[in-house]
Amino acid sequence: MASSDSTSPARGRPLSPHLQVYRLPLVAVLSITHRATGVANTVGLALLTTWLVALATGPAAYDAVMGHMTAWYGLIALFGWTVSIYYHLSNGIRHLFWDVGYGYELRNAYLSGYAVVASALTLSAVTWFIGFMLLGKA
């Protein structure tokens, strides 16, 4: 007979914490996100390579790729890639400070974590704002 509570049916002991009931600390979430942005940056570099190959191939290939890059889904992907790059860069700088022994205190780790997220979002917004200004779309 299966038990519906959070105890082991065999011994009546509580089950170990699970991600559904355990809240990850900010430092853990940022660490996981750093790894995910590393993967996202690899995918983004593959897209950049595709764009460069299309540019070198000729106008038809370039227009085909740019049709996707400038579509709504392409712009969302490019914005996500921008955030990913800036997040990975900011968190990498944070890790450099950790490598030399600064910022390990819990309060500082949380403050620098919030600073990483804020800097990634701010730098992405500024980059896209400047890009739209240069294209005359702002």
Foldseek 3Di string as FASTA:
>chain_A
DDDPDQADPVPRHGDDDDCVRDDDDLLVVLVVLLVVLVVLLVVVVVLVVQCVVLVVVDDVSNVVSVVQCPPPVNVVSVLVNQLSVQLNVLVVVVVVCVVVPPQPPPVSSVVSSVVSNVRSVVVSVVVVVVVCVVVVND
